[in-house]
Amino acid sequence: MYLVKPMKKDYDSLDAFYTGYFLVGHQHKYTKLFHFLAIGLGLAQGVVFLVTLNYWFLLTGLFTGYALSIVSHYLFEKNEPATYDYPVYSFFSAFRMFFETLMGKHKIF
């Protein structure tokens, strides 16, 4: 089966979603690498936006962040991105995984 989509469930906290759903769908190291790059590039473009107030950087930052992340799910993880069903939890979970990767908790190489 190419795309595996678990049943949608209501989560009562971001932590429950992160550990019970998000990390389960982000086990491949290249998926984590693509997410790390996506968030890093998105943050960099967000900083450029704050410095220049050019909204183009805000738009491209969001596009870069989501595009790289979504592509990684279809190429490596073979599942659908969590953002389709849980956009808010997924957004914050991606940042959590980014910072946990910086701290060495997730291996991307």
PDB file of N, CA and C in Angstrom:
ATOM      1  N   MET A   1       0.851  -1.176   0.000  1.00  0.00           N
ATOM      2  CA  MET A   1       0.000   0.000   0.000  1.00  0.00           C
ATOM      3  C   MET A   1       0.895   1.236   0.000  1.00  0.00           C
ATOM      4  N   TYR A   2       0.658   2.138  -0.913  1.00  0.00           N
ATOM      5  CA  TYR A   2       1.511   3.316  -1.065  1.00  0.00           C
ATOM      6  C   TYR A   2       1.216   4.372  -0.008  1.00  0.00           C
ATOM      7  N   LEU A   3      -0.037   4.730   0.136  1.00  0.00           N
ATOM      8  CA  LEU A   3      -0.397   5.756   1.118  1.00  0.00           C
ATOM      9  C   LEU A   3      -1.159   5.123   2.265  1.00  0.00           C
ATOM     10  N   VAL A   4      -0.651   5.312   3.450  1.00  0.00           N
ATOM     11  CA  VAL A   4      -1.303   4.785   4.637  1.00  0.00           C
ATOM     12  C   VAL A   4      -1.841   5.972   5.416  1.00  0.00           C
ATOM     13  N   LYS A   5      -3.144   5.969   5.633  1.00  0.00           N
ATOM     14  CA  LYS A   5      -3.759   7.074   6.356  1.00  0.00           C
ATOM     15  C   LYS A   5      -4.496   6.513   7.567  1.00  0.00           C
ATOM     16  N   PRO A   6      -3.984   6.794   8.774  1.00  0.00           N
ATOM     17  CA  PRO A   6      -4.673   6.316   9.966  1.00  0.00           C
ATOM     18  C   PRO A   6      -5.999   7.041  10.162  1.00  0.00           C
ATOM     19  N   MET A   7      -6.854   6.415  10.955  1.00  0.00           N
ATOM     20  CA  MET A   7      -8.143   7.040  11.237  1.00  0.00           C
ATOM     21  C   MET A   7      -7.917   8.353  11.971  1.00  0.00           C
ATOM     22  N   LYS A   8      -8.728   9.332  11.630  1.00  0.00           N
ATOM     23  CA  LYS A   8      -8.619  10.634  12.295  1.00  0.00           C
ATOM     24  C   LYS A   8      -9.098  10.502  13.737  1.00  0.00           C
ATOM     25  N   LYS A   9      -8.333  11.090  14.633  1.00  0.00           N
ATOM     26  CA  LYS A   9      -8.608  10.992  16.057  1.00  0.00           C
ATOM     27  C   LYS A   9      -8.528  12.390  16.650  1.00  0.00           C
ATOM     28  N   ASP A  10      -9.283  12.638  17.680  1.00  0.00           N
ATOM     29  CA  ASP A  10      -9.190  13.907  18.399  1.00  0.00           C
ATOM     30  C   ASP A  10      -8.100  13.787  19.462  1.00  0.00           C
ATOM     31  N   TYR A  11      -7.196  14.743  19.456  1.00  0.00           N
ATOM     32  CA  TYR A  11      -6.125  14.778  20.458  1.00  0.00           C
ATOM     33  C   TYR A  11      -6.412  15.907  21.428  1.00  0.00           C
ATOM     34  N   ASP A  12      -6.175  15.631  22.706  1.00  0.00           N
ATOM     35  CA  ASP A  12      -6.499  16.624  23.730  1.00  0.00           C
ATOM     36  C   ASP A  12      -5.340  17.565  24.042  1.00  0.00           C
ATOM     37  N   SER A  13      -4.163  17.304  23.444  1.00  0.00           N
ATOM     38  CA  SER A  13      -3.030  18.196  23.669  1.00  0.00           C
ATOM     39  C   SER A  13      -2.041  18.076  22.518  1.00  0.00           C
ATOM     40  N   LEU A  14      -1.227  19.089  22.382  1.00  0.00           N
ATOM     41  CA  LEU A  14      -0.181  19.071  21.367  1.00  0.00           C
ATOM     42  C   LEU A  14       0.807  17.954  21.651  1.00  0.00           C
ATOM     43  N   ASP A  15       1.137  17.737  22.902  1.00  0.00           N
ATOM     44  CA  ASP A  15       2.079  16.681  23.259  1.00  0.00           C
ATOM     45  C   ASP A  15       1.545  15.299  22.893  1.00  0.00           C
ATOM     46  N   ALA A  16       0.270  15.061  23.138  1.00  0.00           N
ATOM     47  CA  ALA A  16      -0.334  13.777  22.781  1.00  0.00           C
ATOM     48  C   ALA A  16      -0.310  13.575  21.263  1.00  0.00           C
ATOM     49  N   PHE A  17      -0.585  14.624  20.522  1.00  0.00           N
ATOM     50  CA  PHE A  17      -0.537  14.546  19.059  1.00  0.00           C
ATOM     51  C   PHE A  17       0.889  14.288  18.587  1.00  0.00           C
ATOM     52  N   TYR A  18       1.833  15.017  19.151  1.00  0.00           N
ATOM     53  CA  TYR A  18       3.224  14.917  18.722  1.00  0.00           C
ATOM     54  C   TYR A  18       3.766  13.507  18.925  1.00  0.00           C
ATOM     55  N   THR A  19       3.562  12.959  20.097  1.00  0.00           N
ATOM     56  CA  THR A  19       4.106  11.629  20.387  1.00  0.00           C
ATOM     57  C   THR A  19       3.266  10.497  19.798  1.00  0.00           C
ATOM     58  N   GLY A  20       1.962  10.683  19.746  1.00  0.00           N
ATOM     59  CA  GLY A  20       1.089   9.603  19.295  1.00  0.00           C
ATOM     60  C   GLY A  20       0.791   9.581  17.810  1.00  0.00           C
ATOM     61  N   TYR A  21       1.058  10.672  17.109  1.00  0.00           N
ATOM     62  CA  TYR A  21       0.724  10.725  15.687  1.00  0.00           C
ATOM     63  C   TYR A  21       1.869  11.288  14.850  1.00  0.00           C
ATOM     64  N   PHE A  22       2.356  12.457  15.205  1.00  0.00           N
ATOM     65  CA  PHE A  22       3.334  13.147  14.371  1.00  0.00           C
ATOM     66  C   PHE A  22       4.625  12.352  14.225  1.00  0.00           C
ATOM     67  N   LEU A  23       5.206  11.919  15.324  1.00  0.00           N
ATOM     68  CA  LEU A  23       6.465  11.177  15.246  1.00  0.00           C
ATOM     69  C   LEU A  23       6.312   9.826  14.561  1.00  0.00           C
ATOM     70  N   VAL A  24       5.140   9.230  14.672  1.00  0.00           N
ATOM     71  CA  VAL A  24       4.881   7.950  14.007  1.00  0.00           C
ATOM     72  C   VAL A  24       4.944   8.129  12.489  1.00  0.00           C
ATOM     73  N   GLY A  25       4.498   9.260  12.002  1.00  0.00           N
ATOM     74  CA  GLY A  25       4.506   9.535  10.573  1.00  0.00           C
ATOM     75  C   GLY A  25       5.776  10.189  10.076  1.00  0.00           C
ATOM     76  N   HIS A  26       6.787  10.298  10.943  1.00  0.00           N
ATOM     77  CA  HIS A  26       8.057  10.933  10.584  1.00  0.00           C
ATOM     78  C   HIS A  26       9.216  10.074  11.083  1.00  0.00           C
ATOM     79  N   GLN A  27       9.275   8.843  10.625  1.00  0.00           N
ATOM     80  CA  GLN A  27      10.304   7.929  11.108  1.00  0.00           C
ATOM     81  C   GLN A  27      11.519   7.855  10.191  1.00  0.00           C
ATOM     82  N   HIS A  28      11.352   8.118   8.915  1.00  0.00           N
ATOM     83  CA  HIS A  28      12.459   8.029   7.960  1.00  0.00           C
ATOM     84  C   HIS A  28      13.392   9.227   8.145  1.00  0.00           C
ATOM     85  N   LYS A  29      14.696   8.969   8.164  1.00  0.00           N
ATOM     86  CA  LYS A  29      15.646  10.057   8.433  1.00  0.00           C
ATOM     87  C   LYS A  29      15.611  11.134   7.356  1.00  0.00           C
ATOM     88  N   TYR A  30      15.300  10.777   6.111  1.00  0.00           N
ATOM     89  CA  TYR A  30      15.246  11.794   5.065  1.00  0.00           C
ATOM     90  C   TYR A  30      13.982  12.651   5.171  1.00  0.00           C
ATOM     91  N   THR A  31      12.920  12.076   5.687  1.00  0.00           N
ATOM     92  CA  THR A  31      11.726  12.888   5.948  1.00  0.00           C
ATOM     93  C   THR A  31      12.068  13.939   7.000  1.00  0.00           C
ATOM     94  N   LYS A  32      12.758  13.514   8.034  1.00  0.00           N
ATOM     95  CA  LYS A  32      13.176  14.452   9.081  1.00  0.00           C
ATOM     96  C   LYS A  32      14.146  15.494   8.528  1.00  0.00           C
ATOM     97  N   LEU A  33      15.046  15.071   7.650  1.00  0.00           N
ATOM     98  CA  LEU A  33      15.987  16.004   7.039  1.00  0.00           C
ATOM     99  C   LEU A  33      15.257  17.051   6.209  1.00  0.00           C
ATOM    100  N   PHE A  34      14.308  16.612   5.384  1.00  0.00           N
ATOM    101  CA  PHE A  34      13.547  17.549   4.557  1.00  0.00           C
ATOM    102  C   PHE A  34      12.755  18.519   5.430  1.00  0.00           C
ATOM    103  N   HIS A  35      12.171  18.020   6.517  1.00  0.00           N
ATOM    104  CA  HIS A  35      11.430  18.892   7.434  1.00  0.00           C
ATOM    105  C   HIS A  35      12.371  19.889   8.105  1.00  0.00           C
ATOM    106  N   PHE A  36      13.545  19.416   8.484  1.00  0.00           N
ATOM    107  CA  PHE A  36      14.522  20.300   9.116  1.00  0.00           C
ATOM    108  C   PHE A  36      14.922  21.421   8.163  1.00  0.00           C
ATOM    109  N   LEU A  37      15.212  21.059   6.915  1.00  0.00           N
ATOM    110  CA  LEU A  37      15.561  22.063   5.911  1.00  0.00           C
ATOM    111  C   LEU A  37      14.392  23.011   5.651  1.00  0.00           C
ATOM    112  N   ALA A  38      13.196  22.456   5.577  1.00  0.00           N
ATOM    113  CA  ALA A  38      12.012  23.270   5.308  1.00  0.00           C
ATOM    114  C   ALA A  38      11.792  24.314   6.394  1.00  0.00           C
ATOM    115  N   ILE A  39      11.869  23.898   7.646  1.00  0.00           N
ATOM    116  CA  ILE A  39      11.660  24.831   8.749  1.00  0.00           C
ATOM    117  C   ILE A  39      12.807  25.830   8.808  1.00  0.00           C
ATOM    118  N   GLY A  40      14.027  25.362   8.629  1.00  0.00           N
ATOM    119  CA  GLY A  40      15.179  26.260   8.651  1.00  0.00           C
ATOM    120  C   GLY A  40      15.102  27.324   7.571  1.00  0.00           C
ATOM    121  N   LEU A  41      14.780  26.908   6.346  1.00  0.00           N
ATOM    122  CA  LEU A  41      14.650  27.874   5.250  1.00  0.00           C
ATOM    123  C   LEU A  41      13.465  28.809   5.468  1.00  0.00           C
ATOM    124  N   GLY A  42      12.371  28.250   5.982  1.00  0.00           N
ATOM    125  CA  GLY A  42      11.203  29.074   6.273  1.00  0.00           C
ATOM    126  C   GLY A  42      11.502  30.130   7.330  1.00  0.00           C
ATOM    127  N   LEU A  43      12.228  29.726   8.370  1.00  0.00           N
ATOM    128  CA  LEU A  43      12.609  30.681   9.414  1.00  0.00           C
ATOM    129  C   LEU A  43      13.540  31.764   8.852  1.00  0.00           C
ATOM    130  N   ALA A  44      14.477  31.361   8.016  1.00  0.00           N
ATOM    131  CA  ALA A  44      15.397  32.333   7.413  1.00  0.00           C
ATOM    132  C   ALA A  44      14.630  33.341   6.564  1.00  0.00           C
ATOM    133  N   GLN A  45      13.684  32.864   5.789  1.00  0.00           N
ATOM    134  CA  GLN A  45      12.888  33.772   4.965  1.00  0.00           C
ATOM    135  C   GLN A  45      11.984  34.644   5.830  1.00  0.00           C
ATOM    136  N   GLY A  46      11.539  34.111   6.964  1.00  0.00           N
ATOM    137  CA  GLY A  46      10.761  34.922   7.904  1.00  0.00           C
ATOM    138  C   GLY A  46      11.586  36.052   8.488  1.00  0.00           C
ATOM    139  N   VAL A  47      12.842  35.789   8.781  1.00  0.00           N
ATOM    140  CA  VAL A  47      13.729  36.836   9.297  1.00  0.00           C
ATOM    141  C   VAL A  47      13.954  37.900   8.227  1.00  0.00           C
ATOM    142  N   VAL A  48      14.173  37.459   6.990  1.00  0.00           N
ATOM    143  CA  VAL A  48      14.361  38.425   5.893  1.00  0.00           C
ATOM    144  C   VAL A  48      13.103  39.275   5.733  1.00  0.00           C
ATOM    145  N   PHE A  49      11.937  38.655   5.881  1.00  0.00           N
ATOM    146  CA  PHE A  49      10.692  39.420   5.824  1.00  0.00           C
ATOM    147  C   PHE A  49      10.656  40.497   6.910  1.00  0.00           C
ATOM    148  N   LEU A  50      11.023  40.123   8.139  1.00  0.00           N
ATOM    149  CA  LEU A  50      11.002  41.086   9.245  1.00  0.00           C
ATOM    150  C   LEU A  50      11.971  42.240   9.016  1.00  0.00           C
ATOM    151  N   VAL A  51      13.087  41.962   8.371  1.00  0.00           N
ATOM    152  CA  VAL A  51      14.076  42.997   8.108  1.00  0.00           C
ATOM    153  C   VAL A  51      13.641  43.910   6.968  1.00  0.00           C
ATOM    154  N   THR A  52      13.083  43.310   5.908  1.00  0.00           N
ATOM    155  CA  THR A  52      12.754  44.082   4.704  1.00  0.00           C
ATOM    156  C   THR A  52      11.293  44.508   4.631  1.00  0.00           C
ATOM    157  N   LEU A  53      10.431  43.822   5.380  1.00  0.00           N
ATOM    158  CA  LEU A  53       8.971  43.988   5.293  1.00  0.00           C
ATOM    159  C   LEU A  53       8.450  43.762   3.876  1.00  0.00           C
ATOM    160  N   ASN A  54       9.172  42.937   3.143  1.00  0.00           N
ATOM    161  CA  ASN A  54       8.752  42.523   1.806  1.00  0.00           C
ATOM    162  C   ASN A  54       7.936  41.233   1.961  1.00  0.00           C
ATOM    163  N   TYR A  55       6.635  41.321   1.710  1.00  0.00           N
ATOM    164  CA  TYR A  55       5.743  40.184   1.924  1.00  0.00           C
ATOM    165  C   TYR A  55       6.047  38.992   1.033  1.00  0.00           C
ATOM    166  N   TRP A  56       6.802  39.210   0.000  1.00  0.00           N
ATOM    167  CA  TRP A  56       7.201  38.107  -0.882  1.00  0.00           C
ATOM    168  C   TRP A  56       7.970  37.042  -0.083  1.00  0.00           C
ATOM    169  N   PHE A  57       8.816  37.475   0.843  1.00  0.00           N
ATOM    170  CA  PHE A  57       9.600  36.536   1.649  1.00  0.00           C
ATOM    171  C   PHE A  57       8.719  35.747   2.613  1.00  0.00           C
ATOM    172  N   LEU A  58       7.669  36.348   3.090  1.00  0.00           N
ATOM    173  CA  LEU A  58       6.724  35.643   3.949  1.00  0.00           C
ATOM    174  C   LEU A  58       6.023  34.547   3.157  1.00  0.00           C
ATOM    175  N   LEU A  59       5.601  34.885   1.960  1.00  0.00           N
ATOM    176  CA  LEU A  59       4.928  33.920   1.084  1.00  0.00           C
ATOM    177  C   LEU A  59       5.865  32.779   0.688  1.00  0.00           C
ATOM    178  N   THR A  60       7.071  33.121   0.256  1.00  0.00           N
ATOM    179  CA  THR A  60       8.003  32.071  -0.152  1.00  0.00           C
ATOM    180  C   THR A  60       8.465  31.229   1.034  1.00  0.00           C
ATOM    181  N   GLY A  61       8.533  31.821   2.203  1.00  0.00           N
ATOM    182  CA  GLY A  61       8.878  31.051   3.394  1.00  0.00           C
ATOM    183  C   GLY A  61       7.842  29.997   3.708  1.00  0.00           C
ATOM    184  N   LEU A  62       6.577  30.371   3.641  1.00  0.00           N
ATOM    185  CA  LEU A  62       5.498  29.401   3.867  1.00  0.00           C
ATOM    186  C   LEU A  62       5.485  28.330   2.789  1.00  0.00           C
ATOM    187  N   PHE A  63       5.661  28.756   1.537  1.00  0.00           N
ATOM    188  CA  PHE A  63       5.669  27.788   0.436  1.00  0.00           C
ATOM    189  C   PHE A  63       6.824  26.810   0.578  1.00  0.00           C
ATOM    190  N   THR A  64       8.017  27.317   0.839  1.00  0.00           N
ATOM    191  CA  THR A  64       9.196  26.459   0.985  1.00  0.00           C
ATOM    192  C   THR A  64       8.996  25.468   2.120  1.00  0.00           C
ATOM    193  N   GLY A  65       8.523  25.965   3.246  1.00  0.00           N
ATOM    194  CA  GLY A  65       8.316  25.100   4.406  1.00  0.00           C
ATOM    195  C   GLY A  65       7.357  23.967   4.137  1.00  0.00           C
ATOM    196  N   TYR A  66       6.240  24.282   3.540  1.00  0.00           N
ATOM    197  CA  TYR A  66       5.246  23.240   3.282  1.00  0.00           C
ATOM    198  C   TYR A  66       5.632  22.355   2.107  1.00  0.00           C
ATOM    199  N   ALA A  67       6.189  22.927   1.054  1.00  0.00           N
ATOM    200  CA  ALA A  67       6.503  22.141  -0.145  1.00  0.00           C
ATOM    201  C   ALA A  67       7.533  21.054   0.157  1.00  0.00           C
ATOM    202  N   LEU A  68       8.623  21.411   0.783  1.00  0.00           N
ATOM    203  CA  LEU A  68       9.647  20.410   1.096  1.00  0.00           C
ATOM    204  C   LEU A  68       9.116  19.329   2.038  1.00  0.00           C
ATOM    205  N   SER A  69       8.349  19.746   3.007  1.00  0.00           N
ATOM    206  CA  SER A  69       7.807  18.784   3.962  1.00  0.00           C
ATOM    207  C   SER A  69       6.841  17.818   3.299  1.00  0.00           C
ATOM    208  N   ILE A  70       5.951  18.332   2.500  1.00  0.00           N
ATOM    209  CA  ILE A  70       4.948  17.483   1.847  1.00  0.00           C
ATOM    210  C   ILE A  70       5.605  16.518   0.873  1.00  0.00           C
ATOM    211  N   VAL A  71       6.538  17.002   0.086  1.00  0.00           N
ATOM    212  CA  VAL A  71       7.234  16.139  -0.872  1.00  0.00           C
ATOM    213  C   VAL A  71       7.922  14.982  -0.161  1.00  0.00           C
ATOM    214  N   SER A  72       8.514  15.248   0.998  1.00  0.00           N
ATOM    215  CA  SER A  72       9.238  14.199   1.718  1.00  0.00           C
ATOM    216  C   SER A  72       8.317  13.054   2.139  1.00  0.00           C
ATOM    217  N   HIS A  73       7.077  13.348   2.424  1.00  0.00           N
ATOM    218  CA  HIS A  73       6.151  12.281   2.823  1.00  0.00           C
ATOM    219  C   HIS A  73       5.872  11.335   1.669  1.00  0.00           C
ATOM    220  N   TYR A  74       5.715  11.862   0.488  1.00  0.00           N
ATOM    221  CA  TYR A  74       5.425  11.015  -0.662  1.00  0.00           C
ATOM    222  C   TYR A  74       6.667  10.278  -1.156  1.00  0.00           C
ATOM    223  N   LEU A  75       7.842  10.892  -1.042  1.00  0.00           N
ATOM    224  CA  LEU A  75       9.072  10.251  -1.510  1.00  0.00           C
ATOM    225  C   LEU A  75       9.614   9.210  -0.549  1.00  0.00           C
ATOM    226  N   PHE A  76       9.620   9.501   0.736  1.00  0.00           N
ATOM    227  CA  PHE A  76      10.315   8.649   1.698  1.00  0.00           C
ATOM    228  C   PHE A  76       9.398   7.923   2.671  1.00  0.00           C
ATOM    229  N   GLU A  77       8.450   8.627   3.214  1.00  0.00           N
ATOM    230  CA  GLU A  77       7.626   8.056   4.276  1.00  0.00           C
ATOM    231  C   GLU A  77       6.475   7.215   3.720  1.00  0.00           C
ATOM    232  N   LYS A  78       6.048   7.531   2.515  1.00  0.00           N
ATOM    233  CA  LYS A  78       4.934   6.840   1.843  1.00  0.00           C
ATOM    234  C   LYS A  78       3.634   6.974   2.631  1.00  0.00           C
ATOM    235  N   ASN A  79       3.393   8.169   3.140  1.00  0.00           N
ATOM    236  CA  ASN A  79       2.149   8.460   3.842  1.00  0.00           C
ATOM    237  C   ASN A  79       1.716   9.886   3.521  1.00  0.00           C
ATOM    238  N   GLU A  80       0.553  10.241   3.991  1.00  0.00           N
ATOM    239  CA  GLU A  80       0.076  11.609   3.783  1.00  0.00           C
ATOM    240  C   GLU A  80       0.540  12.490   4.933  1.00  0.00           C
ATOM    241  N   PRO A  81       0.880  13.735   4.634  1.00  0.00           N
ATOM    242  CA  PRO A  81       1.320  14.641   5.690  1.00  0.00           C
ATOM    243  C   PRO A  81       0.229  14.872   6.743  1.00  0.00           C
ATOM    244  N   ALA A  82       0.662  15.011   7.983  1.00  0.00           N
ATOM    245  CA  ALA A  82      -0.263  15.256   9.084  1.00  0.00           C
ATOM    246  C   ALA A  82      -0.997  16.575   8.917  1.00  0.00           C
ATOM    247  N   THR A  83      -0.407  17.496   8.176  1.00  0.00           N
ATOM    248  CA  THR A  83      -1.001  18.829   8.018  1.00  0.00           C
ATOM    249  C   THR A  83      -2.337  18.790   7.283  1.00  0.00           C
ATOM    250  N   TYR A  84      -2.601  17.735   6.533  1.00  0.00           N
ATOM    251  CA  TYR A  84      -3.882  17.623   5.838  1.00  0.00           C
ATOM    252  C   TYR A  84      -5.043  17.505   6.820  1.00  0.00           C
ATOM    253  N   ASP A  85      -4.845  16.720   7.872  1.00  0.00           N
ATOM    254  CA  ASP A  85      -5.916  16.489   8.850  1.00  0.00           C
ATOM    255  C   ASP A  85      -5.782  17.332  10.111  1.00  0.00           C
ATOM    256  N   TYR A  86      -4.574  17.700  10.450  1.00  0.00           N
ATOM    257  CA  TYR A  86      -4.314  18.440  11.693  1.00  0.00           C
ATOM    258  C   TYR A  86      -3.381  19.618  11.406  1.00  0.00           C
ATOM    259  N   PRO A  87      -3.841  20.639  10.709  1.00  0.00           N
ATOM    260  CA  PRO A  87      -2.928  21.715  10.283  1.00  0.00           C
ATOM    261  C   PRO A  87      -2.261  22.486  11.423  1.00  0.00           C
ATOM    262  N   VAL A  88      -2.981  22.788  12.481  1.00  0.00           N
ATOM    263  CA  VAL A  88      -2.404  23.571  13.578  1.00  0.00           C
ATOM    264  C   VAL A  88      -1.425  22.730  14.388  1.00  0.00           C
ATOM    265  N   TYR A  89      -1.852  21.556  14.809  1.00  0.00           N
ATOM    266  CA  TYR A  89      -0.963  20.674  15.563  1.00  0.00           C
ATOM    267  C   TYR A  89       0.275  20.329  14.738  1.00  0.00           C
ATOM    268  N   SER A  90       0.093  20.080  13.476  1.00  0.00           N
ATOM    269  CA  SER A  90       1.209  19.728  12.601  1.00  0.00           C
ATOM    270  C   SER A  90       2.215  20.871  12.481  1.00  0.00           C
ATOM    271  N   PHE A  91       1.705  22.088  12.339  1.00  0.00           N
ATOM    272  CA  PHE A  91       2.568  23.264  12.229  1.00  0.00           C
ATOM    273  C   PHE A  91       3.486  23.387  13.445  1.00  0.00           C
ATOM    274  N   PHE A  92       2.903  23.316  14.633  1.00  0.00           N
ATOM    275  CA  PHE A  92       3.699  23.450  15.850  1.00  0.00           C
ATOM    276  C   PHE A  92       4.583  22.234  16.099  1.00  0.00           C
ATOM    277  N   SER A  93       4.129  21.057  15.697  1.00  0.00           N
ATOM    278  CA  SER A  93       4.934  19.846  15.859  1.00  0.00           C
ATOM    279  C   SER A  93       6.167  19.879  14.970  1.00  0.00           C
ATOM    280  N   ALA A  94       6.042  20.445  13.782  1.00  0.00           N
ATOM    281  CA  ALA A  94       7.199  20.556  12.889  1.00  0.00           C
ATOM    282  C   ALA A  94       8.284  21.416  13.523  1.00  0.00           C
ATOM    283  N   PHE A  95       7.886  22.502  14.171  1.00  0.00           N
ATOM    284  CA  PHE A  95       8.864  23.347  14.862  1.00  0.00           C
ATOM    285  C   PHE A  95       9.474  22.616  16.049  1.00  0.00           C
ATOM    286  N   ARG A  96       8.671  21.856  16.753  1.00  0.00           N
ATOM    287  CA  ARG A  96       9.202  21.089  17.889  1.00  0.00           C
ATOM    288  C   ARG A  96      10.242  20.084  17.400  1.00  0.00           C
ATOM    289  N   MET A  97       9.925  19.372  16.305  1.00  0.00           N
ATOM    290  CA  MET A  97      10.878  18.405  15.769  1.00  0.00           C
ATOM    291  C   MET A  97      12.145  19.108  15.278  1.00  0.00           C
ATOM    292  N   PHE A  98      11.998  20.309  14.705  1.00  0.00           N
ATOM    293  CA  PHE A  98      13.148  21.092  14.256  1.00  0.00           C
ATOM    294  C   PHE A  98      14.090  21.378  15.428  1.00  0.00           C
ATOM    295  N   PHE A  99      13.544  21.882  16.521  1.00  0.00           N
ATOM    296  CA  PHE A  99      14.383  22.226  17.670  1.00  0.00           C
ATOM    297  C   PHE A  99      14.923  20.983  18.373  1.00  0.00           C
ATOM    298  N   GLU A 100      14.156  19.908  18.388  1.00  0.00           N
ATOM    299  CA  GLU A 100      14.671  18.658  18.952  1.00  0.00           C
ATOM    300  C   GLU A 100      15.807  18.109  18.084  1.00  0.00           C
ATOM    301  N   THR A 101      15.730  18.302  16.786  1.00  0.00           N
ATOM    302  CA  THR A 101      16.810  17.882  15.894  1.00  0.00           C
ATOM    303  C   THR A 101      18.062  18.703  16.172  1.00  0.00           C
ATOM    304  N   LEU A 102      17.891  20.003  16.373  1.00  0.00           N
ATOM    305  CA  LEU A 102      19.032  20.851  16.734  1.00  0.00           C
ATOM    306  C   LEU A 102      19.705  20.364  18.015  1.00  0.00           C
ATOM    307  N   MET A 103      18.914  19.844  18.936  1.00  0.00           N
ATOM    308  CA  MET A 103      19.449  19.367  20.212  1.00  0.00           C
ATOM    309  C   MET A 103      19.975  17.930  20.122  1.00  0.00           C
ATOM    310  N   GLY A 104      19.864  17.317  18.942  1.00  0.00           N
ATOM    311  CA  GLY A 104      20.411  15.982  18.736  1.00  0.00           C
ATOM    312  C   GLY A 104      19.477  14.830  19.033  1.00  0.00           C
ATOM    313  N   LYS A 105      18.219  15.097  19.256  1.00  0.00           N
ATOM    314  CA  LYS A 105      17.268  14.031  19.594  1.00  0.00           C
ATOM    315  C   LYS A 105      16.873  13.207  18.370  1.00  0.00           C
ATOM    316  N   HIS A 106      16.885  13.805  17.193  1.00  0.00           N
ATOM    317  CA  HIS A 106      16.517  13.109  15.962  1.00  0.00           C
ATOM    318  C   HIS A 106      17.718  13.073  15.033  1.00  0.00           C
ATOM    319  N   LYS A 107      17.963  11.926  14.436  1.00  0.00           N
ATOM    320  CA  LYS A 107      19.075  11.754  13.510  1.00  0.00           C
ATOM    321  C   LYS A 107      18.588  12.047  12.084  1.00  0.00           C
ATOM    322  N   ILE A 108      19.310  12.932  11.397  1.00  0.00           N
ATOM    323  CA  ILE A 108      18.939  13.250  10.018  1.00  0.00           C
ATOM    324  C   ILE A 108      20.040  12.897   9.028  1.00  0.00           C
ATOM    325  N   PHE A 109      21.163  12.397   9.511  1.00  0.00           N
ATOM    326  CA  PHE A 109      22.247  11.943   8.630  1.00  0.00           C
ATOM    327  C   PHE A 109      22.648  10.542   8.995  1.00  0.00           C
TER     328      PHE A 109
END
